[in-house]
Amino acid sequence: MTKKKSGSGFQMGTLLALVIMCVVLSVANSNFYSYSNLMGILKQTAFNAFLATGMLLCLITAGIDLSVGANAVFCACVMGAMNKAEIQSGVLMMIVAIVAGGLVGFINGTLLTRLHLPHPFVSTLGMKNVLWGLALLVTGSQMVNNFPESVQFLGKATIGGFPVSFMVVIVLYVIMHLFLSRTALGRSIYCAGGNMEATRLSGINTANVLTFCYTMSGIMAALGGIVSIGRSGICNGANANQPYDTDAIAACIIGGASFTGGKGTMVGTMLGALIIAVLRNGFTMLSIDSAGQNIVLGLVIILAVFMDVVRAGMEAKNRRMAAAAKQEAEEKEKVAK
């Protein structure tokens, strides 16, 4: 059986937390609600939202992808290397980046399912360092700029000031919500996270399901890499060591996903990504240094995990009580007969 997905009550709590944060920041700085600042938050959300999409699939299966941030930078650097080689076809650059990201994800999935590494933490952490080195290697440890406009469009373009990247994220999240909730493969992903052995015994190829999730995580990372080029206009292999994967994990966990698997929704993940972006924006507006930012974000993640543990404990207690009540009712019925 699958574990129960994040309930609407938890998502309402996440939404309430987001609203309270926005109110507090608007009081602390009147410029928070300026149109340009809000659009900046959405631009920042888009990058993390792409990475969090793939991360959510991995977390639902009780796994994790610690290479997602480095993969995004690596894919951007692949496009940078093509740009240095004077390959000016933006479409070709993006296709190659998406294939590269998907291949990295496929390798992560294969290491887990076919080579039987003990936990995706091991393989994806190793892959993170490999990608960091490759990102520096393909660009010669140099920043690359002057990308074609077609490459920068996704991360740079706006319509009435509203970022196109966030529009694409909205469409993606609707599609992924329907995929997870309405398709057999989507339900299999939840089943695998809820009980891997039971899922396997029911006839579902769990190795293929896991490989699909990590491949999709790689593709989402590539899309994030494309967005990053549009946002900054450059690629830089040194950024592969940035905590992008931490932000993606935080967005999923805050949104109701669980490290134990079987839980998580696209709606919750979107709210989590918005909270991370609002937090980062608030740090900047309040001139909080990087040390303070890391402390606060770490505490937020710990609090989200603690709430998940408490919620899981309450759900388990309710199930035990329901089972005991059912058993008691059956025994009374037998006595009555």
Protein backbone atom coordinates (compact mmCIF):
# COMPACT_ATOMS: atom_id res chain seq x y z
CA MET A 1 0.00 0.00 0.00
CA THR A 2 1.08 3.57 -0.53
CA LYS A 3 1.59 5.97 2.27
CA LYS A 4 -0.85 8.76 2.47
CA LYS A 5 0.13 11.80 0.44
CA SER A 6 0.52 15.20 2.01
CA GLY A 7 -2.93 16.19 3.12
CA SER A 8 -4.71 19.37 2.20
CA GLY A 9 -4.47 20.42 5.85
CA PHE A 10 -0.68 20.39 5.72
CA GLN A 11 -0.69 22.33 2.45
CA MET A 12 -2.98 24.92 4.00
CA GLY A 13 -0.49 25.23 6.83
CA THR A 14 2.32 25.74 4.31
CA LEU A 15 0.26 28.36 2.49
CA LEU A 16 -0.46 30.12 5.78
CA ALA A 17 3.27 30.14 6.60
CA LEU A 18 3.97 31.72 3.20
CA VAL A 19 1.33 34.42 3.76
CA ILE A 20 2.67 35.24 7.24
CA MET A 21 6.22 35.52 5.88
CA CYS A 22 5.06 37.92 3.17
CA VAL A 23 3.19 40.07 5.70
CA VAL A 24 6.19 40.22 8.04
CA LEU A 25 8.59 41.12 5.23
CA SER A 26 6.24 43.79 3.87
CA VAL A 27 6.18 45.39 7.32
CA ALA A 28 9.97 45.15 7.62
CA ASN A 29 10.54 46.62 4.16
CA SER A 30 7.86 48.51 2.23
CA ASN A 31 9.55 47.67 -1.06
CA PHE A 32 8.77 43.97 -0.64
CA TYR A 33 5.41 44.30 -2.41
CA SER A 34 6.79 46.31 -5.31
CA TYR A 35 5.97 44.73 -8.66
CA SER A 36 9.61 44.41 -9.67
CA ASN A 37 10.50 42.64 -6.42
CA LEU A 38 7.60 40.20 -6.67
CA MET A 39 8.56 39.36 -10.25
CA GLY A 40 12.14 38.87 -9.08
CA ILE A 41 10.88 36.36 -6.51
CA LEU A 42 9.04 34.44 -9.23
CA LYS A 43 12.20 34.37 -11.38
CA GLN A 44 14.15 32.99 -8.45
CA THR A 45 11.39 30.47 -7.74
CA ALA A 46 11.43 29.17 -11.32
CA PHE A 47 15.02 27.90 -11.13
CA ASN A 48 14.47 26.07 -7.85
CA ALA A 49 11.05 24.81 -8.97
CA PHE A 50 12.59 22.96 -11.92
CA LEU A 51 15.16 21.29 -9.69
CA ALA A 52 12.54 20.52 -7.02
CA THR A 53 10.35 18.73 -9.57
CA GLY A 54 12.96 16.06 -10.14
CA MET A 55 13.92 16.01 -6.48
CA LEU A 56 10.29 15.32 -5.51
CA LEU A 57 10.15 12.23 -7.73
CA CYS A 58 13.26 10.88 -6.03
CA LEU A 59 12.00 11.69 -2.53
CA ILE A 60 8.65 10.01 -3.20
CA THR A 61 10.57 6.78 -3.89
CA ALA A 62 12.42 7.23 -0.55
CA GLY A 63 15.54 8.31 -2.45
CA ILE A 64 17.39 11.57 -3.00
CA ASP A 65 19.40 13.29 -5.74
CA LEU A 66 22.27 15.31 -4.30
CA SER A 67 23.69 15.93 -7.78
CA VAL A 68 20.75 17.95 -9.10
CA GLY A 69 22.36 21.37 -8.52
CA ALA A 70 25.71 20.34 -9.94
CA ASN A 71 23.91 18.76 -12.89
CA ALA A 72 22.16 22.06 -13.64
CA VAL A 73 25.50 23.89 -13.65
CA PHE A 74 27.13 21.14 -15.71
CA CYS A 75 24.39 21.36 -18.36
CA ALA A 76 24.83 25.14 -18.47
CA CYS A 77 28.57 24.64 -18.90
CA VAL A 78 27.98 22.14 -21.73
CA MET A 79 26.14 24.93 -23.52
CA GLY A 80 29.00 27.26 -22.58
CA ALA A 81 31.51 24.91 -24.18
CA MET A 82 29.41 24.81 -27.35
CA ASN A 83 29.23 28.59 -27.29
CA LYS A 84 33.02 28.84 -26.99
CA ALA A 85 33.26 26.50 -29.97
CA GLU A 86 31.13 29.03 -31.87
CA ILE A 87 28.16 26.71 -32.23
CA GLN A 88 25.49 29.39 -32.36
CA SER A 89 22.37 27.24 -32.67
CA GLY A 90 20.50 27.90 -29.44
CA VAL A 91 18.06 25.05 -30.10
CA LEU A 92 20.91 22.59 -30.56
CA MET A 93 22.58 23.84 -27.37
CA MET A 94 19.42 23.27 -25.35
CA ILE A 95 18.79 19.83 -26.84
CA VAL A 96 22.34 18.73 -26.05
CA ALA A 97 22.02 20.10 -22.49
CA ILE A 98 18.75 18.24 -21.89
CA VAL A 99 20.22 15.00 -23.25
CA ALA A 100 23.32 15.47 -21.07
CA GLY A 101 21.22 16.11 -17.97
CA GLY A 102 18.98 13.14 -18.68
CA LEU A 103 22.02 10.91 -19.23
CA VAL A 104 23.47 11.93 -15.87
CA GLY A 105 20.14 11.11 -14.22
CA PHE A 106 19.99 7.78 -16.03
CA ILE A 107 23.47 6.91 -14.75
CA ASN A 108 22.38 7.80 -11.21
CA GLY A 109 19.36 5.52 -11.56
CA THR A 110 21.45 2.71 -13.04
CA LEU A 111 24.01 2.91 -10.25
CA LEU A 112 21.16 2.47 -7.76
CA THR A 113 19.08 -0.18 -9.49
CA ARG A 114 21.45 -2.24 -11.65
CA LEU A 115 24.76 -1.89 -9.81
CA HIS A 116 22.96 -1.96 -6.45
CA LEU A 117 24.79 0.80 -4.64
CA PRO A 118 23.43 0.83 -1.08
CA HIS A 119 21.68 4.21 -1.19
CA PRO A 120 21.25 7.05 -3.73
CA PHE A 121 22.97 9.32 -1.19
CA VAL A 122 26.23 7.55 -2.07
CA SER A 123 25.94 7.57 -5.87
CA THR A 124 24.48 11.07 -6.25
CA LEU A 125 26.96 12.62 -3.81
CA GLY A 126 29.79 11.08 -5.83
CA MET A 127 28.15 12.25 -9.05
CA LYS A 128 27.91 15.78 -7.64
CA ASN A 129 31.68 15.96 -7.34
CA VAL A 130 32.19 14.37 -10.76
CA LEU A 131 29.91 16.97 -12.35
CA TRP A 132 31.67 19.79 -10.52
CA GLY A 133 34.94 18.70 -12.06
CA LEU A 134 33.41 18.19 -15.51
CA ALA A 135 31.77 21.62 -15.40
CA LEU A 136 35.17 23.21 -14.80
CA LEU A 137 36.81 20.98 -17.39
CA VAL A 138 34.46 21.68 -20.33
CA THR A 139 34.72 25.46 -19.83
CA GLY A 140 38.41 25.53 -18.99
CA SER A 141 37.52 26.90 -15.53
CA GLN A 142 36.34 30.11 -17.18
CA MET A 143 33.06 31.97 -17.15
CA VAL A 144 31.32 31.98 -20.53
CA ASN A 145 28.94 34.71 -21.73
CA ASN A 146 27.46 36.10 -24.95
CA PHE A 147 24.98 33.27 -25.36
CA PRO A 148 22.44 33.41 -28.22
CA GLU A 149 19.17 35.10 -27.34
CA SER A 150 17.27 31.87 -27.96
CA VAL A 151 19.20 30.22 -25.10
CA GLN A 152 18.58 33.13 -22.76
CA PHE A 153 14.89 33.45 -23.62
CA LEU A 154 13.52 30.98 -21.04
CA GLY A 155 15.27 32.59 -18.09
CA LYS A 156 15.27 36.18 -19.30
CA ALA A 157 12.02 36.88 -21.17
CA THR A 158 8.97 38.44 -19.54
CA ILE A 159 5.42 39.21 -20.65
CA GLY A 160 4.17 42.38 -19.00
CA GLY A 161 6.97 41.97 -16.50
CA PHE A 162 5.81 38.42 -15.64
CA PRO A 163 8.66 35.93 -16.15
CA VAL A 164 8.17 33.37 -18.91
CA SER A 165 10.18 30.87 -16.85
CA PHE A 166 7.53 30.89 -14.13
CA MET A 167 4.77 30.47 -16.73
CA VAL A 168 6.55 27.36 -17.96
CA VAL A 169 6.86 26.14 -14.36
CA ILE A 170 3.10 26.51 -13.84
CA VAL A 171 2.38 24.46 -16.97
CA LEU A 172 4.98 21.86 -15.94
CA TYR A 173 3.53 21.54 -12.44
CA VAL A 174 0.00 21.03 -13.77
CA ILE A 175 1.25 18.32 -16.12
CA MET A 176 3.28 16.64 -13.37
CA HIS A 177 0.32 16.80 -10.97
CA LEU A 178 -1.86 15.01 -13.51
CA PHE A 179 0.93 12.54 -14.21
CA LEU A 180 1.44 11.62 -10.54
CA SER A 181 -2.26 11.45 -9.69
CA ARG A 182 -3.86 10.07 -12.87
CA THR A 183 -1.38 7.71 -14.54
CA ALA A 184 -0.31 4.16 -13.73
CA LEU A 185 3.36 5.12 -13.67
CA GLY A 186 2.65 8.05 -11.35
CA ARG A 187 0.83 5.78 -8.92
CA SER A 188 3.66 3.24 -9.21
CA ILE A 189 6.11 5.91 -8.04
CA TYR A 190 4.06 6.41 -4.85
CA CYS A 191 3.76 2.63 -4.44
CA ALA A 192 7.52 2.19 -4.71
CA GLY A 193 8.08 4.80 -2.03
CA GLY A 194 5.41 3.37 0.22
CA ASN A 195 6.61 -0.24 0.11
CA MET A 196 9.28 -1.22 -2.42
CA GLU A 197 9.06 -4.96 -1.84
CA ALA A 198 5.26 -5.08 -2.00
CA THR A 199 5.39 -3.03 -5.19
CA ARG A 200 7.86 -5.47 -6.74
CA LEU A 201 5.77 -8.47 -5.73
CA SER A 202 2.70 -6.88 -7.30
CA GLY A 203 4.40 -7.11 -10.69
CA ILE A 204 5.73 -3.55 -11.05
CA ASN A 205 9.30 -3.25 -12.33
CA THR A 206 10.65 -1.08 -9.52
CA ALA A 207 14.09 -0.77 -11.15
CA ASN A 208 12.54 0.89 -14.20
CA VAL A 209 10.40 3.15 -12.01
CA LEU A 210 13.43 4.37 -10.03
CA THR A 211 15.52 4.82 -13.17
CA PHE A 212 12.72 6.90 -14.69
CA CYS A 213 12.60 9.16 -11.61
CA TYR A 214 16.34 9.85 -11.60
CA THR A 215 16.39 10.39 -15.37
CA MET A 216 13.57 12.92 -15.02
CA SER A 217 15.50 14.58 -12.21
CA GLY A 218 18.41 15.01 -14.61
CA ILE A 219 16.16 16.48 -17.31
CA MET A 220 14.64 18.94 -14.84
CA ALA A 221 18.16 19.92 -13.75
CA ALA A 222 19.03 20.65 -17.38
CA LEU A 223 15.99 22.92 -17.69
CA GLY A 224 17.14 24.68 -14.52
CA GLY A 225 20.57 25.13 -16.10
CA ILE A 226 19.00 26.72 -19.17
CA VAL A 227 17.01 29.10 -16.94
CA SER A 228 20.16 30.02 -15.00
CA ILE A 229 21.87 31.20 -18.20
CA GLY A 230 18.92 33.47 -19.00
CA ARG A 231 18.94 34.90 -15.46
CA SER A 232 22.64 35.72 -15.28
CA GLY A 233 23.78 35.70 -18.92
CA ILE A 234 26.77 33.49 -18.01
CA CYS A 235 27.74 29.99 -16.97
CA ASN A 236 30.37 29.30 -14.34
CA GLY A 237 31.59 25.82 -13.41
CA ALA A 238 32.54 27.00 -9.92
CA ASN A 239 28.82 27.37 -9.16
CA ALA A 240 28.49 23.57 -9.12
CA ASN A 241 29.40 23.74 -5.44
CA GLN A 242 26.50 26.07 -4.61
CA PRO A 243 23.72 24.66 -2.35
CA TYR A 244 21.14 24.45 -5.14
CA ASP A 245 20.32 20.86 -4.22
CA THR A 246 19.70 21.92 -0.61
CA ASP A 247 17.13 24.49 -1.74
CA ALA A 248 15.41 21.87 -3.90
CA ILE A 249 15.27 19.41 -1.00
CA ALA A 250 13.99 22.14 1.32
CA ALA A 251 11.21 23.08 -1.13
CA CYS A 252 10.01 19.47 -1.27
CA ILE A 253 10.22 18.81 2.48
CA ILE A 254 8.56 22.11 3.41
CA GLY A 255 5.85 21.25 0.87
CA GLY A 256 5.06 17.95 2.59
CA ALA A 257 7.38 15.37 1.02
CA SER A 258 9.12 12.90 3.31
CA PHE A 259 12.53 11.26 3.40
CA THR A 260 10.74 7.99 4.21
CA GLY A 261 9.02 8.08 0.82
CA GLY A 262 5.47 7.74 -0.45
CA LYS A 263 4.54 11.38 0.17
CA GLY A 264 4.64 14.64 -1.70
CA THR A 265 2.60 16.71 -4.14
CA MET A 266 3.32 19.26 -6.83
CA VAL A 267 1.15 21.86 -5.08
CA GLY A 268 3.08 21.47 -1.83
CA THR A 269 6.41 21.60 -3.67
CA MET A 270 5.40 24.83 -5.41
CA LEU A 271 4.51 26.40 -2.05
CA GLY A 272 7.83 25.18 -0.66
CA ALA A 273 9.76 26.69 -3.58
CA LEU A 274 7.94 30.00 -3.09
CA ILE A 275 8.80 29.99 0.62
CA ILE A 276 12.50 29.40 -0.14
CA ALA A 277 12.49 32.22 -2.71
CA VAL A 278 10.70 34.60 -0.33
CA LEU A 279 13.18 33.72 2.41
CA ARG A 280 16.16 34.37 0.14
CA ASN A 281 14.62 37.62 -1.07
CA GLY A 282 13.92 38.69 2.50
CA PHE A 283 17.52 37.95 3.50
CA THR A 284 18.72 40.28 0.76
CA MET A 285 16.25 43.07 1.57
CA LEU A 286 17.13 42.90 5.28
CA SER A 287 20.87 42.74 4.52
CA ILE A 288 21.36 39.42 6.34
CA ASP A 289 24.80 37.94 5.60
CA SER A 290 25.37 34.46 4.19
CA ALA A 291 26.10 32.99 7.63
CA GLY A 292 22.72 34.11 8.94
CA GLN A 293 21.01 32.89 5.78
CA ASN A 294 22.47 29.41 6.13
CA ILE A 295 21.49 29.22 9.80
CA VAL A 296 17.89 30.26 9.16
CA LEU A 297 17.45 27.99 6.14
CA GLY A 298 18.94 25.06 8.06
CA LEU A 299 16.54 25.64 10.95
CA VAL A 300 13.61 25.81 8.51
CA ILE A 301 14.57 22.43 7.03
CA ILE A 302 14.99 20.87 10.49
CA LEU A 303 11.58 22.22 11.53
CA ALA A 304 9.95 20.85 8.37
CA VAL A 305 11.48 17.40 8.93
CA PHE A 306 10.44 17.46 12.59
CA MET A 307 6.87 18.30 11.59
CA ASP A 308 6.92 15.41 9.12
CA VAL A 309 8.10 13.02 11.85
CA VAL A 310 5.37 14.24 14.22
CA ARG A 311 2.73 13.96 11.49
CA ALA A 312 3.88 10.44 10.58
CA GLY A 313 3.72 9.43 14.25
CA MET A 314 0.18 10.76 14.59
CA GLU A 315 -0.91 8.96 11.41
CA ALA A 316 0.59 5.69 12.68
CA LYS A 317 -1.17 6.13 16.02
CA ASN A 318 -4.49 6.80 14.29
CA ARG A 319 -4.06 3.68 12.14
CA ARG A 320 -3.34 1.56 15.23
CA MET A 321 -6.38 2.95 17.01
CA ALA A 322 -8.57 2.34 13.95
CA ALA A 323 -7.28 -1.24 13.65
CA ALA A 324 -7.87 -1.86 17.36
CA ALA A 325 -11.40 -0.45 17.14
CA LYS A 326 -12.15 -2.61 14.10
CA GLN A 327 -10.83 -5.71 15.85
CA GLU A 328 -12.88 -4.92 18.96
CA ALA A 329 -16.01 -4.45 16.87
CA GLU A 330 -15.43 -7.80 15.11
CA GLU A 331 -14.98 -9.58 18.45
CA LYS A 332 -18.20 -8.07 19.80
CA GLU A 333 -20.02 -9.17 16.65
CA LYS A 334 -18.73 -12.73 17.10
CA VAL A 335 -19.87 -12.76 20.74
CA ALA A 336 -23.30 -11.46 19.74
CA LYS A 337 -23.69 -14.28 17.24
